[in-house]
C-alpha atoms as a PDB file:
ATOM      1  CA  UNK A   1     -27.611  17.088  15.191  1.00  0.00           C
ATOM      2  CA  UNK A   2     -25.366  14.061  14.463  1.00  0.00           C
ATOM      3  CA  UNK A   3     -27.154  11.749  11.823  1.00  0.00           C
ATOM      4  CA  UNK A   4     -28.109   8.382  13.200  1.00  0.00           C
ATOM      5  CA  UNK A   5     -26.737   5.062  11.639  1.00  0.00           C
ATOM      6  CA  UNK A   6     -30.241   4.438  10.200  1.00  0.00           C
ATOM      7  CA  UNK A   7     -29.857   8.063   8.606  1.00  0.00           C
ATOM      8  CA  UNK A   8     -26.476   6.964   7.268  1.00  0.00           C
ATOM      9  CA  UNK A   9     -27.857   3.728   5.972  1.00  0.00           C
ATOM     10  CA  UNK A  10     -30.775   5.330   4.296  1.00  0.00           C
ATOM     11  CA  UNK A  11     -28.394   8.025   2.628  1.00  0.00           C
ATOM     12  CA  UNK A  12     -26.224   5.163   1.635  1.00  0.00           C
ATOM     13  CA  UNK A  13     -29.256   3.536  -0.450  1.00  0.00           C
ATOM     14  CA  UNK A  14     -30.003   6.726  -2.242  1.00  0.00           C
ATOM     15  CA  UNK A  15     -30.283   6.235  -5.983  1.00  0.00           C
ATOM     16  CA  UNK A  16     -28.579   7.883  -8.310  1.00  0.00           C
ATOM     17  CA  UNK A  17     -31.610   9.958  -9.548  1.00  0.00           C
ATOM     18  CA  UNK A  18     -32.613  10.744  -5.554  1.00  0.00           C
ATOM     19  CA  UNK A  19     -28.992  11.967  -5.361  1.00  0.00           C
ATOM     20  CA  UNK A  20     -29.246  14.211  -8.258  1.00  0.00           C
ATOM     21  CA  UNK A  21     -32.573  15.666  -6.989  1.00  0.00           C
ATOM     22  CA  UNK A  22     -31.763  16.517  -3.577  1.00  0.00           C
ATOM     23  CA  UNK A  23     -28.417  18.064  -5.076  1.00  0.00           C
ATOM     24  CA  UNK A  24     -30.428  20.453  -7.409  1.00  0.00           C
ATOM     25  CA  UNK A  25     -32.687  21.332  -4.361  1.00  0.00           C
ATOM     26  CA  UNK A  26     -29.857  21.755  -2.021  1.00  0.00           C
ATOM     27  CA  UNK A  27     -27.642  25.204  -0.977  1.00  0.00           C
ATOM     28  CA  UNK A  28     -24.984  26.372  -3.392  1.00  0.00           C
ATOM     29  CA  UNK A  29     -22.523  25.200  -0.496  1.00  0.00           C
ATOM     30  CA  UNK A  30     -24.124  21.573  -0.366  1.00  0.00           C
ATOM     31  CA  UNK A  31     -23.738  21.235  -4.066  1.00  0.00           C
ATOM     32  CA  UNK A  32     -20.121  22.421  -4.023  1.00  0.00           C
ATOM     33  CA  UNK A  33     -19.321  19.986  -1.273  1.00  0.00           C
ATOM     34  CA  UNK A  34     -20.929  17.138  -2.624  1.00  0.00           C
ATOM     35  CA  UNK A  35     -19.467  17.616  -6.073  1.00  0.00           C
ATOM     36  CA  UNK A  36     -16.072  18.133  -4.792  1.00  0.00           C
ATOM     37  CA  UNK A  37     -16.679  14.804  -2.487  1.00  0.00           C
ATOM     38  CA  UNK A  38     -16.782  13.060  -5.936  1.00  0.00           C
ATOM     39  CA  UNK A  39     -13.657  14.555  -7.220  1.00  0.00           C
ATOM     40  CA  UNK A  40     -15.395  16.534  -9.956  1.00  0.00           C
ATOM     41  CA  UNK A  41     -13.414  19.569 -11.241  1.00  0.00           C
ATOM     42  CA  UNK A  42     -13.705  23.377 -10.457  1.00  0.00           C
ATOM     43  CA  UNK A  43     -14.797  23.863 -13.776  1.00  0.00           C
ATOM     44  CA  UNK A  44     -17.483  21.145 -13.792  1.00  0.00           C
ATOM     45  CA  UNK A  45     -18.743  22.044 -10.383  1.00  0.00           C
ATOM     46  CA  UNK A  46     -18.922  25.890 -11.691  1.00  0.00           C
ATOM     47  CA  UNK A  47     -21.054  24.787 -14.604  1.00  0.00           C
ATOM     48  CA  UNK A  48     -23.357  22.831 -12.523  1.00  0.00           C
ATOM     49  CA  UNK A  49     -23.852  25.800  -9.879  1.00  0.00           C
ATOM     50  CA  UNK A  50     -24.253  28.229 -12.626  1.00  0.00           C
ATOM     51  CA  UNK A  51     -20.945  30.135 -11.593  1.00  0.00           C
ATOM     52  CA  UNK A  52     -18.455  31.470 -13.915  1.00  0.00           C
ATOM     53  CA  UNK A  53     -15.462  29.167 -13.518  1.00  0.00           C
ATOM     54  CA  UNK A  54     -12.669  31.700 -12.984  1.00  0.00           C
ATOM     55  CA  UNK A  55     -14.602  33.107 -10.179  1.00  0.00           C
ATOM     56  CA  UNK A  56     -15.403  29.997  -8.650  1.00  0.00           C
ATOM     57  CA  UNK A  57     -11.625  28.975  -8.597  1.00  0.00           C
ATOM     58  CA  UNK A  58     -10.884  32.410  -7.040  1.00  0.00           C
ATOM     59  CA  UNK A  59     -12.733  32.120  -4.522  1.00  0.00           C
ATOM     60  CA  UNK A  60     -11.857  28.253  -3.810  1.00  0.00           C
ATOM     61  CA  UNK A  61      -8.176  29.112  -3.804  1.00  0.00           C
ATOM     62  CA  UNK A  62      -7.921  32.732  -2.682  1.00  0.00           C
ATOM     63  CA  UNK A  63     -10.757  33.266  -0.215  1.00  0.00           C
ATOM     64  CA  UNK A  64     -10.299  30.316   2.021  1.00  0.00           C
ATOM     65  CA  UNK A  65     -12.487  31.605   4.489  1.00  0.00           C
ATOM     66  CA  UNK A  66     -15.513  31.863   2.153  1.00  0.00           C
ATOM     67  CA  UNK A  67     -18.337  29.204   2.668  1.00  0.00           C
ATOM     68  CA  UNK A  68     -17.866  27.830  -1.034  1.00  0.00           C
ATOM     69  CA  UNK A  69     -14.303  27.662  -0.187  1.00  0.00           C
ATOM     70  CA  UNK A  70     -14.360  25.611   3.008  1.00  0.00           C
ATOM     71  CA  UNK A  71     -17.392  23.506   1.416  1.00  0.00           C
ATOM     72  CA  UNK A  72     -15.019  22.361  -1.596  1.00  0.00           C
ATOM     73  CA  UNK A  73     -12.173  21.285   0.756  1.00  0.00           C
ATOM     74  CA  UNK A  74     -14.435  19.465   3.234  1.00  0.00           C
ATOM     75  CA  UNK A  75     -15.912  17.575   0.233  1.00  0.00           C
ATOM     76  CA  UNK A  76     -12.760  16.516  -1.028  1.00  0.00           C
ATOM     77  CA  UNK A  77     -11.309  15.745   2.683  1.00  0.00           C
ATOM     78  CA  UNK A  78     -14.369  13.476   3.439  1.00  0.00           C
ATOM     79  CA  UNK A  79     -13.808  11.398   0.446  1.00  0.00           C
ATOM     80  CA  UNK A  80     -10.110  11.228   0.887  1.00  0.00           C
ATOM     81  CA  UNK A  81     -11.164  10.182   4.816  1.00  0.00           C
ATOM     82  CA  UNK A  82     -13.249   7.381   3.465  1.00  0.00           C
ATOM     83  CA  UNK A  83     -10.434   6.160   0.871  1.00  0.00           C
ATOM     84  CA  UNK A  84      -7.527   6.541   3.502  1.00  0.00           C
ATOM     85  CA  UNK A  85      -9.799   4.378   6.159  1.00  0.00           C
ATOM     86  CA  UNK A  86     -10.338   1.766   3.470  1.00  0.00           C
ATOM     87  CA  UNK A  87      -6.713   1.635   2.467  1.00  0.00           C
ATOM     88  CA  UNK A  88      -5.805   1.046   6.317  1.00  0.00           C
ATOM     89  CA  UNK A  89      -7.905  -1.835   6.601  1.00  0.00           C
ATOM     90  CA  UNK A  90      -6.721  -3.369   3.471  1.00  0.00           C
ATOM     91  CA  UNK A  91      -3.071  -2.481   4.814  1.00  0.00           C
ATOM     92  CA  UNK A  92      -3.903  -4.446   8.002  1.00  0.00           C
ATOM     93  CA  UNK A  93      -5.346  -7.285   6.031  1.00  0.00           C
ATOM     94  CA  UNK A  94      -2.199  -7.793   4.189  1.00  0.00           C
ATOM     95  CA  UNK A  95      -2.523  -5.842   0.842  1.00  0.00           C
ATOM     96  CA  UNK A  96       1.019  -4.839   0.039  1.00  0.00           C
ATOM     97  CA  UNK A  97      -0.132  -1.841  -1.973  1.00  0.00           C
ATOM     98  CA  UNK A  98      -2.546  -0.714   0.734  1.00  0.00           C
ATOM     99  CA  UNK A  99       0.798  -1.033   3.081  1.00  0.00           C
ATOM    100  CA  UNK A 100       2.837   0.971   0.714  1.00  0.00           C
ATOM    101  CA  UNK A 101       0.020   3.669   1.001  1.00  0.00           C
ATOM    102  CA  UNK A 102       0.030   3.655   4.181  1.00  0.00           C
ATOM    103  CA  UNK A 103       3.574   3.950   4.648  1.00  0.00           C
ATOM    104  CA  UNK A 104       3.872   7.203   2.435  1.00  0.00           C
ATOM    105  CA  UNK A 105       1.088   8.617   4.618  1.00  0.00           C
ATOM    106  CA  UNK A 106       2.796   8.325   7.548  1.00  0.00           C
ATOM    107  CA  UNK A 107       6.096   9.653   6.073  1.00  0.00           C
ATOM    108  CA  UNK A 108       3.890  12.729   5.091  1.00  0.00           C
ATOM    109  CA  UNK A 109       2.658  13.224   8.327  1.00  0.00           C
ATOM    110  CA  UNK A 110       5.984  13.027   9.650  1.00  0.00           C
ATOM    111  CA  UNK A 111       7.317  15.561   7.565  1.00  0.00           C
ATOM    112  CA  UNK A 112       4.521  17.905   8.211  1.00  0.00           C
ATOM    113  CA  UNK A 113       5.079  17.731  11.891  1.00  0.00           C
ATOM    114  CA  UNK A 114       8.550  18.732  11.445  1.00  0.00           C
ATOM    115  CA  UNK A 115       7.739  21.538   8.966  1.00  0.00           C
END
């Protein structure tokens, strides 16, 4: 079920203490996704979830079908999407730096299409 706009609004108004409480009560995969979305390192995520750093690193980088690996990359991508969305909007409103970023993203996309 997709969250409603009101649920999204309520989540965005969540305090840091509420976020931390929700995070500690969530599944390991949800914790990994949320922390990856905030660009925490694998070492930091491992410490928070109580997992050996090298085991987590191996699972994320070598077992890409595992739920934890997918949660990690989904979390990173979620924030990357938001940042790129904002960059596009800034570029469309005349920001030279954002415009350059969007040109680089387009170039990367074109290179990937021809790989």
